[in-house]
Amino acid sequence: MLAPVLLALNGLDPSAFTANEKSEYLLAIQAVETLETFLVLWVLLKQFRPFPERWFNVDPRDDAFSLEKVGL
């Protein structure tokens, strides 16, 4: 990730941050990583559009591991 490198180049040391600054820094890093992950998933999955009807549908009442679904 580039954030620690950019901070170091600007003379900032994350280990010298206060507790609040560290928590905000970590939250920002996690948010950026989450967005990057969703971007990669979007790029990789867009070739399969339109998605099958039940591809991403999750029903908690449905037993995903039932023997009937596996054909046993």
Foldseek 3Di string as FASTA:
>chain_A
DCVCVVCVVVVHDLVPDDPVVVVVVVVVVVVVVVVVVVVVVCVVCVVVPPDPPCPPDDDPVDDPPDPVVVPD
